[in-house]
Protein backbone atom coordinates (compact mmCIF):
# COMPACT_ATOMS: atom_id res chain seq x y z
CA MET A 1 43.50 -107.13 -68.43
CA LYS A 2 40.41 -108.44 -66.60
CA LYS A 3 42.31 -111.49 -65.32
CA VAL A 4 45.12 -109.28 -64.01
CA ILE A 5 42.64 -106.97 -62.28
CA LEU A 6 40.80 -109.81 -60.55
CA SER A 7 44.10 -111.29 -59.40
CA ILE A 8 45.46 -108.06 -58.01
CA LEU A 9 42.28 -107.20 -56.12
CA GLY A 10 42.25 -110.38 -54.08
CA ALA A 11 39.63 -110.82 -51.37
CA VAL A 12 40.44 -107.69 -49.35
CA PHE A 13 38.03 -105.28 -51.02
CA LEU A 14 35.11 -107.72 -50.95
CA SER A 15 35.63 -108.53 -47.29
CA VAL A 16 35.87 -104.89 -46.30
CA MET A 17 32.72 -103.97 -48.24
CA SER A 18 30.68 -106.08 -45.85
CA LEU A 19 31.78 -103.83 -42.96
CA ALA A 20 30.36 -100.63 -44.46
CA THR A 21 26.96 -99.02 -44.50
CA THR A 22 25.43 -96.79 -47.15
CA PRO A 23 27.66 -93.70 -47.40
CA THR A 24 26.81 -90.04 -47.35
CA VAL A 25 28.94 -88.91 -50.28
CA CYS A 26 30.10 -85.92 -52.27
CA LYS A 27 28.13 -86.80 -55.40
CA ALA A 28 28.40 -86.01 -59.07
CA ALA A 29 25.90 -88.20 -60.97
CA GLY A 30 26.14 -90.77 -58.16
CA GLU A 31 29.93 -90.62 -57.98
CA LEU A 32 32.03 -90.35 -54.86
CA VAL A 33 34.53 -87.60 -55.69
CA ILE A 34 37.96 -87.25 -54.08
CA GLY A 35 41.04 -85.24 -55.08
CA ALA A 36 44.70 -85.86 -55.85
CA ILE A 37 47.65 -83.49 -56.12
CA SER A 38 50.97 -84.32 -57.76
CA PRO A 39 53.77 -82.51 -59.62
CA LEU A 40 52.67 -82.82 -63.24
CA THR A 41 54.94 -79.92 -64.25
CA GLY A 42 58.20 -78.58 -62.83
CA SER A 43 61.29 -80.35 -61.51
CA SER A 44 59.49 -83.55 -60.45
CA ALA A 45 57.07 -83.97 -63.37
CA ILE A 46 58.31 -87.46 -64.30
CA GLN A 47 57.68 -88.70 -60.78
CA GLY A 48 54.35 -86.87 -60.58
CA LEU A 49 53.07 -88.40 -63.79
CA ASP A 50 54.03 -91.84 -62.51
CA MET A 51 52.10 -91.15 -59.31
CA GLN A 52 49.05 -90.13 -61.31
CA ARG A 53 49.24 -93.27 -63.43
CA GLY A 54 49.38 -95.46 -60.33
CA GLU A 55 46.33 -93.66 -58.97
CA GLN A 56 44.49 -94.02 -62.27
CA LEU A 57 45.23 -97.75 -62.40
CA ALA A 58 43.92 -98.24 -58.86
CA LEU A 59 40.84 -96.16 -59.70
CA GLU A 60 40.04 -98.36 -62.70
CA GLN A 61 40.36 -101.51 -60.60
CA ILE A 62 38.31 -100.13 -57.71
CA ASN A 63 35.46 -99.22 -60.02
CA ALA A 64 35.71 -102.60 -61.77
CA ALA A 65 35.19 -104.18 -58.34
CA GLY A 66 32.04 -102.13 -57.70
CA GLY A 67 33.34 -98.78 -56.52
CA VAL A 68 32.76 -97.54 -52.98
CA ASN A 69 29.53 -98.95 -51.56
CA GLY A 70 28.15 -99.15 -55.08
CA HIS A 71 29.15 -95.60 -56.01
CA PRO A 72 31.73 -95.11 -58.77
CA LEU A 73 34.85 -93.41 -57.42
CA LYS A 74 36.12 -90.32 -59.25
CA ILE A 75 39.43 -88.54 -58.71
CA LEU A 76 39.94 -84.88 -59.58
CA PHE A 77 43.64 -84.55 -60.46
CA GLU A 78 45.42 -81.25 -59.80
CA ASP A 79 48.98 -80.15 -60.63
CA ASP A 80 50.99 -78.82 -57.68
CA GLN A 81 53.68 -77.61 -60.12
CA SER A 82 56.47 -79.06 -57.94
CA ASN A 83 56.23 -76.20 -55.43
CA PRO A 84 54.35 -75.23 -52.25
CA ARG A 85 52.40 -72.35 -53.83
CA GLY A 86 51.09 -74.62 -56.58
CA GLY A 87 50.19 -77.20 -53.95
CA MET A 88 48.24 -74.67 -51.90
CA ASP A 89 46.36 -73.48 -54.98
CA ALA A 90 45.49 -77.10 -55.77
CA VAL A 91 44.13 -78.01 -52.33
CA HIS A 92 42.19 -74.75 -52.05
CA LYS A 93 40.44 -75.59 -55.31
CA LEU A 94 39.72 -79.17 -54.30
CA VAL A 95 38.40 -78.25 -50.85
CA ASP A 96 36.77 -74.84 -51.34
CA ILE A 97 35.30 -75.39 -54.81
CA ASN A 98 35.05 -79.15 -55.34
CA LYS A 99 34.24 -79.93 -51.68
CA VAL A 100 36.19 -83.20 -51.66
CA PRO A 101 36.41 -85.12 -48.36
CA LEU A 102 39.81 -86.65 -49.08
CA ILE A 103 42.97 -85.75 -51.05
CA ILE A 104 45.76 -88.08 -52.16
CA GLY A 105 49.21 -86.48 -52.35
CA ALA A 106 51.56 -84.76 -52.44
CA TYR A 107 54.95 -85.94 -53.65
CA SER A 108 57.46 -83.77 -51.78
CA SER A 109 57.47 -82.83 -48.10
CA GLY A 110 57.87 -79.17 -49.05
CA VAL A 111 54.40 -79.39 -50.58
CA SER A 112 52.80 -81.87 -48.20
CA LEU A 113 53.66 -79.89 -45.06
CA PRO A 114 51.78 -76.65 -45.90
CA THR A 115 48.97 -78.40 -47.75
CA GLY A 116 48.59 -80.98 -45.00
CA GLN A 117 48.51 -78.35 -42.27
CA TRP A 118 45.76 -76.50 -44.14
CA THR A 119 43.66 -79.55 -45.05
CA ASN A 120 43.99 -80.80 -41.47
CA SER A 121 42.69 -77.46 -40.21
CA LYS A 122 39.70 -77.92 -42.52
CA LYS A 123 39.16 -81.51 -41.32
CA VAL A 124 39.80 -82.90 -44.80
CA ILE A 125 41.72 -86.17 -44.99
CA GLN A 126 45.05 -86.02 -46.84
CA ILE A 127 47.16 -89.10 -47.63
CA ALA A 128 50.70 -88.18 -48.69
CA VAL A 129 52.24 -90.46 -51.31
CA ALA A 130 55.99 -89.80 -51.31
CA SER A 131 56.69 -87.25 -48.57
CA THR A 132 59.15 -88.20 -45.86
CA SER A 133 60.01 -85.30 -43.54
CA PRO A 134 59.66 -86.24 -39.84
CA GLU A 135 57.80 -82.93 -39.42
CA LEU A 136 54.81 -84.57 -41.13
CA ARG A 137 54.24 -86.58 -37.97
CA ASN A 138 53.03 -83.46 -36.16
CA ILE A 139 50.39 -82.26 -38.65
CA GLY A 140 47.33 -83.76 -37.03
CA PRO A 141 44.65 -86.46 -36.99
CA TYR A 142 43.48 -86.02 -40.60
CA PHE A 143 46.90 -86.43 -42.21
CA PHE A 144 48.32 -89.83 -43.23
CA ASN A 145 51.33 -91.09 -45.18
CA VAL A 146 52.01 -94.29 -47.17
CA ILE A 147 55.82 -94.08 -47.20
CA ALA A 148 58.29 -94.24 -44.29
CA LEU A 149 59.87 -91.02 -43.02
CA ASP A 150 63.43 -89.71 -43.31
CA ASP A 151 64.47 -91.13 -39.96
CA VAL A 152 64.05 -94.61 -41.44
CA MET A 153 65.62 -93.89 -44.86
CA GLY A 154 68.41 -91.70 -43.44
CA THR A 155 69.39 -94.36 -40.93
CA LYS A 156 69.28 -97.23 -43.43
CA LEU A 157 71.17 -95.24 -46.10
CA ALA A 158 73.92 -94.36 -43.64
CA GLU A 159 74.16 -98.00 -42.52
CA PHE A 160 74.51 -99.01 -46.18
CA ALA A 161 77.32 -96.48 -46.66
CA LEU A 162 79.07 -97.65 -43.49
CA GLU A 163 79.42 -101.09 -45.07
CA SER A 164 81.94 -99.50 -47.45
CA GLY A 165 84.43 -99.06 -44.62
CA ALA A 166 84.79 -95.31 -45.24
CA ASP A 167 85.88 -93.09 -42.35
CA THR A 168 84.83 -89.60 -43.54
CA TYR A 169 81.41 -88.43 -44.73
CA ALA A 170 79.60 -85.33 -45.97
CA SER A 171 76.26 -84.49 -47.60
CA ILE A 172 74.73 -82.18 -50.18
CA THR A 173 70.97 -81.96 -49.76
CA VAL A 174 68.08 -79.80 -50.90
CA ASN A 175 67.26 -77.05 -48.41
CA ASN A 176 63.73 -78.13 -47.57
CA PRO A 177 62.14 -80.37 -44.91
CA PHE A 178 62.87 -83.52 -46.91
CA GLY A 179 66.55 -82.80 -47.53
CA ILE A 180 67.17 -81.57 -44.00
CA GLY A 181 65.55 -84.71 -42.60
CA ILE A 182 67.87 -86.95 -44.63
CA GLU A 183 70.86 -84.85 -43.58
CA ILE A 184 69.98 -85.07 -39.88
CA TRP A 185 69.53 -88.83 -39.83
CA THR A 186 72.51 -89.78 -41.99
CA LYS A 187 74.73 -87.55 -39.87
CA LYS A 188 73.35 -88.94 -36.62
CA THR A 189 73.91 -92.53 -37.75
CA ILE A 190 77.43 -91.89 -39.05
CA GLU A 191 78.52 -90.16 -35.84
CA LYS A 192 76.92 -92.87 -33.69
CA ALA A 193 79.11 -95.36 -35.56
CA GLY A 194 82.19 -93.37 -34.52
CA LYS A 195 82.99 -92.06 -38.00
CA GLN A 196 83.80 -88.46 -38.95
CA TRP A 197 81.19 -86.11 -40.42
CA LEU A 198 82.98 -83.34 -42.34
CA ASP A 199 80.25 -81.07 -43.70
CA ALA A 200 76.56 -80.73 -44.51
CA VAL A 201 75.85 -78.53 -47.53
CA ARG A 202 72.31 -77.39 -48.30
CA TYR A 203 71.30 -75.94 -51.65
CA ASP A 204 68.24 -74.04 -52.86
CA GLU A 205 66.04 -75.33 -55.65
CA ASN A 206 65.72 -73.79 -59.12
CA LYS A 207 69.22 -72.32 -59.34
CA THR A 208 71.21 -72.34 -62.57
CA ASP A 209 74.61 -72.92 -60.98
CA TYR A 210 75.61 -75.20 -58.08
CA ARG A 211 79.39 -75.06 -58.46
CA ALA A 212 79.91 -73.23 -55.16
CA GLU A 213 77.92 -75.84 -53.23
CA VAL A 214 79.68 -78.71 -55.02
CA GLU A 215 83.10 -77.20 -54.35
CA ARG A 216 82.26 -76.75 -50.68
CA VAL A 217 81.09 -80.32 -50.10
CA PHE A 218 84.34 -81.66 -51.61
CA SER A 219 86.65 -79.12 -49.94
CA LYS A 220 87.49 -81.44 -47.03
CA LYS A 221 87.83 -84.48 -49.29
CA PRO A 222 85.12 -86.78 -47.84
CA GLN A 223 85.31 -90.41 -48.85
CA VAL A 224 81.51 -90.67 -49.06
CA VAL A 225 79.01 -87.97 -50.06
CA PHE A 226 75.29 -88.38 -49.43
CA PHE A 227 73.26 -86.88 -52.24
CA THR A 228 69.61 -85.74 -52.22
CA ALA A 229 68.04 -84.04 -55.24
CA TYR A 230 64.95 -83.81 -57.40
CA GLY A 231 65.16 -84.37 -61.15
CA THR A 232 66.15 -80.96 -62.51
CA GLU A 233 68.67 -80.15 -59.78
CA SER A 234 70.16 -83.64 -59.79
CA LYS A 235 71.08 -83.36 -63.45
CA LEU A 236 72.83 -80.04 -62.97
CA ILE A 237 74.60 -80.84 -59.69
CA LEU A 238 76.04 -84.12 -60.97
CA LYS A 239 76.96 -82.57 -64.33
CA GLN A 240 78.87 -79.74 -62.68
CA ALA A 241 80.64 -82.07 -60.22
CA TYR A 242 81.65 -84.27 -63.16
CA GLU A 243 82.95 -81.27 -65.14
CA MET A 244 84.92 -80.10 -62.09
CA GLY A 245 86.48 -83.54 -61.71
CA LEU A 246 85.05 -83.95 -58.22
CA LYS A 247 84.03 -87.38 -57.03
CA PRO A 248 84.18 -88.98 -53.56
CA SER A 249 86.96 -91.57 -53.32
CA VAL A 250 84.60 -94.27 -52.03
CA GLY A 251 81.46 -93.03 -53.69
CA TRP A 252 78.17 -91.18 -53.75
CA TYR A 253 75.20 -92.59 -51.79
CA ALA A 254 71.69 -91.44 -52.63
CA ASP A 255 68.22 -91.90 -51.18
CA TYR A 256 65.31 -92.68 -53.55
CA PRO A 257 67.35 -93.12 -56.77
CA THR A 258 64.33 -92.93 -59.08
CA MET A 259 63.99 -89.30 -58.02
CA TRP A 260 66.87 -88.57 -60.40
CA SER A 261 67.81 -91.67 -62.42
CA ASN A 262 65.54 -90.73 -65.35
CA GLU A 263 66.94 -87.21 -65.76
CA VAL A 264 70.71 -87.38 -65.24
CA ILE A 265 73.42 -87.63 -67.89
CA PRO A 266 74.52 -91.28 -67.44
CA GLU A 267 78.28 -90.78 -67.21
CA THR A 268 77.88 -88.13 -64.48
CA ALA A 269 76.00 -90.55 -62.21
CA GLU A 270 77.97 -93.73 -62.92
CA GLY A 271 78.51 -95.79 -59.79
CA ILE A 272 76.14 -93.97 -57.44
CA ARG A 273 74.78 -96.37 -54.84
CA GLY A 274 71.47 -95.95 -53.09
CA LEU A 275 68.38 -97.48 -51.55
CA GLU A 276 65.28 -97.97 -53.67
CA ILE A 277 61.90 -98.22 -51.99
CA GLY A 278 59.04 -100.65 -52.39
CA ALA A 279 61.04 -102.86 -54.70
CA ALA A 280 60.91 -106.13 -52.79
CA ALA A 281 57.17 -106.61 -52.60
CA GLY A 282 57.06 -109.91 -54.48
CA THR A 283 53.97 -111.17 -56.30
CA ARG A 284 51.79 -108.14 -55.62
CA TYR A 285 54.33 -105.82 -57.20
CA GLU A 286 54.74 -108.10 -60.18
CA GLU A 287 50.98 -108.06 -60.74
CA TYR A 288 50.95 -104.28 -60.42
CA GLN A 289 53.79 -104.00 -62.91
CA ALA A 290 51.96 -106.20 -65.43
CA ALA A 291 48.74 -104.19 -65.10
CA TYR A 292 50.66 -100.89 -65.37
CA LYS A 293 52.46 -102.08 -68.51
CA GLU A 294 49.21 -103.18 -70.12
CA LYS A 295 47.40 -99.93 -69.38
CA PHE A 296 50.14 -97.39 -70.09
CA GLY A 297 52.63 -99.27 -72.28
CA LYS A 298 55.46 -98.28 -69.95
CA ASP A 299 57.63 -99.93 -67.31
CA ALA A 300 56.31 -99.37 -63.80
CA LYS A 301 59.91 -99.29 -62.53
CA GLN A 302 60.59 -95.95 -64.23
CA THR A 303 60.09 -94.44 -60.79
CA ALA A 304 59.07 -95.98 -57.47
CA PHE A 305 56.28 -93.52 -56.81
CA GLY A 306 53.47 -94.77 -59.05
CA ALA A 307 53.19 -97.83 -56.83
CA TYR A 308 52.82 -95.60 -53.76
CA GLY A 309 50.09 -93.59 -55.50
CA TYR A 310 48.40 -96.88 -56.31
CA ASP A 311 48.52 -98.06 -52.69
CA ALA A 312 47.31 -94.70 -51.37
CA THR A 313 44.28 -94.81 -53.68
CA TRP A 314 43.35 -98.34 -52.67
CA ILE A 315 43.72 -97.57 -48.95
CA ALA A 316 41.58 -94.44 -49.40
CA ALA A 317 38.85 -96.44 -51.15
CA LEU A 318 38.87 -99.14 -48.50
CA ALA A 319 38.62 -96.56 -45.72
CA LEU A 320 35.77 -94.71 -47.43
CA ASN A 321 33.99 -98.01 -47.89
CA MET A 322 34.40 -98.94 -44.22
CA ALA A 323 33.51 -95.47 -42.95
CA GLY A 324 30.23 -95.48 -44.88
CA SER A 325 30.41 -91.71 -44.69
CA THR A 326 32.52 -88.70 -45.58
CA ASN A 327 32.70 -87.75 -41.91
CA PRO A 328 36.42 -87.05 -41.36
CA GLN A 329 36.58 -88.72 -37.95
CA LYS A 330 35.05 -91.90 -39.36
CA ILE A 331 37.38 -91.92 -42.38
CA ALA A 332 40.43 -91.33 -40.18
CA LYS A 333 39.44 -94.20 -37.89
CA ALA A 334 38.78 -96.48 -40.88
CA LEU A 335 42.19 -95.68 -42.38
CA TYR A 336 43.91 -97.45 -39.51
CA THR A 337 41.98 -100.63 -40.22
CA ALA A 338 42.42 -100.27 -43.99
CA GLY A 339 46.19 -99.98 -43.58
CA GLN A 340 46.25 -103.19 -41.57
CA VAL A 341 44.15 -105.33 -43.93
CA TYR A 342 45.45 -104.01 -47.26
CA ASN A 343 48.34 -105.93 -48.84
CA GLY A 344 50.40 -103.19 -50.50
CA VAL A 345 52.32 -103.54 -53.73
CA THR A 346 55.03 -101.41 -52.08
CA GLY A 347 55.77 -103.93 -49.39
CA GLY A 348 52.77 -105.72 -47.98
CA ASN A 349 52.27 -104.17 -44.55
CA LYS A 350 50.86 -100.64 -44.88
CA SER A 351 49.88 -100.16 -41.23
CA PHE A 352 49.80 -96.64 -39.79
CA ASP A 353 51.17 -95.71 -36.37
CA LYS A 354 49.32 -93.43 -33.95
CA ASP A 355 50.39 -90.34 -35.94
CA GLY A 356 49.21 -91.73 -39.28
CA MET A 357 52.74 -92.53 -40.44
CA GLN A 358 54.00 -95.83 -41.84
CA VAL A 359 55.23 -98.46 -39.41
CA THR A 360 57.59 -100.28 -41.81
CA GLU A 361 59.32 -99.86 -45.18
CA GLN A 362 61.25 -102.04 -47.62
CA TYR A 363 64.51 -100.97 -49.26
CA ARG A 364 66.67 -102.54 -51.95
CA PRO A 365 70.36 -101.60 -52.40
CA VAL A 366 70.98 -100.47 -55.98
CA VAL A 367 73.78 -98.99 -58.09
CA TYR A 368 73.51 -96.77 -61.16
CA GLU A 369 75.53 -98.28 -64.02
CA LYS A 370 75.47 -97.55 -67.75
CA GLY A 371 72.31 -95.47 -67.51
CA GLU A 372 70.26 -97.89 -65.41
CA LEU A 373 69.67 -98.92 -61.80
CA HIS A 374 70.79 -102.45 -60.92
CA SER A 375 70.66 -104.45 -57.72
CA TYR A 376 73.83 -103.88 -55.69
CA LYS A 377 75.62 -106.96 -54.40
């Protein structure tokens, strides 16, 4: 394990350490304490646990390399329960009680938007891990994100679907900022290409029956249907469509397939095509995968989001080290430099734009076949 850790760290952390001064820190027995929120229960628990594991792996490596300016880093993990109320409870605890200067998370935009608006108002840094709504761009100077927004994914997913030669399109998406963002950008791209958009169906989370929404999206017989869902809903929506004998003639296209690939009944999702994130990062990802397997005994590819939690934790540590302080303005400024110098496992370049959002993203076309995701060719 030690050899893997030393390899994956590289020279970045050591070079950045020389830029920092002695920090003023939130201390617990000399520790620098930060927070993290993720969905450890609820509809996205599989993805949330993967995020937490990625963060834990980064934490172990950071402390093995000397911590932050000689202080061991500690993360207080909180469960956002896969919903905004749970997320707000989590950040209130971390900020009001634990007094953390920085929070990593959350997973979904529906949680990151309200929590980010509140932490920003408190001048606490928040680094979202897997939230993609374009609305995140407007939160403020203390909010950052390590994954590209829906305008990038929605555009690229629609371009992928256009390669099929289909003429008619529709979508069924979760009725929250994330789903609406995907809907807007897939629709915009399809119509710009001169193709026909038939319908955009939005559904609410935590229902026990989606037959009406499924029937509606197929009522005009689209050749392609764009599909956005978290784990619990994805299983039910695809199961009910399968039982109703409804399937687009060209196929389903889905963003972020590991949001649902671990939960669905295989035959109901057979043939779904999509774009996976952070999967083409080369050597750095392979080293991350090896370290993850050794520590947790599981495949890091179960979902894509552990790697984003890992990158967010490393970027946070680098920024804290450079800032030499828990002053939010200094951390925010340092994050821009940290994003530029850090070589991410999710795609190398992790630079932030002026709004704290990611400049670039990597996607890999995949198809779900026989219960697994495979590269699509």
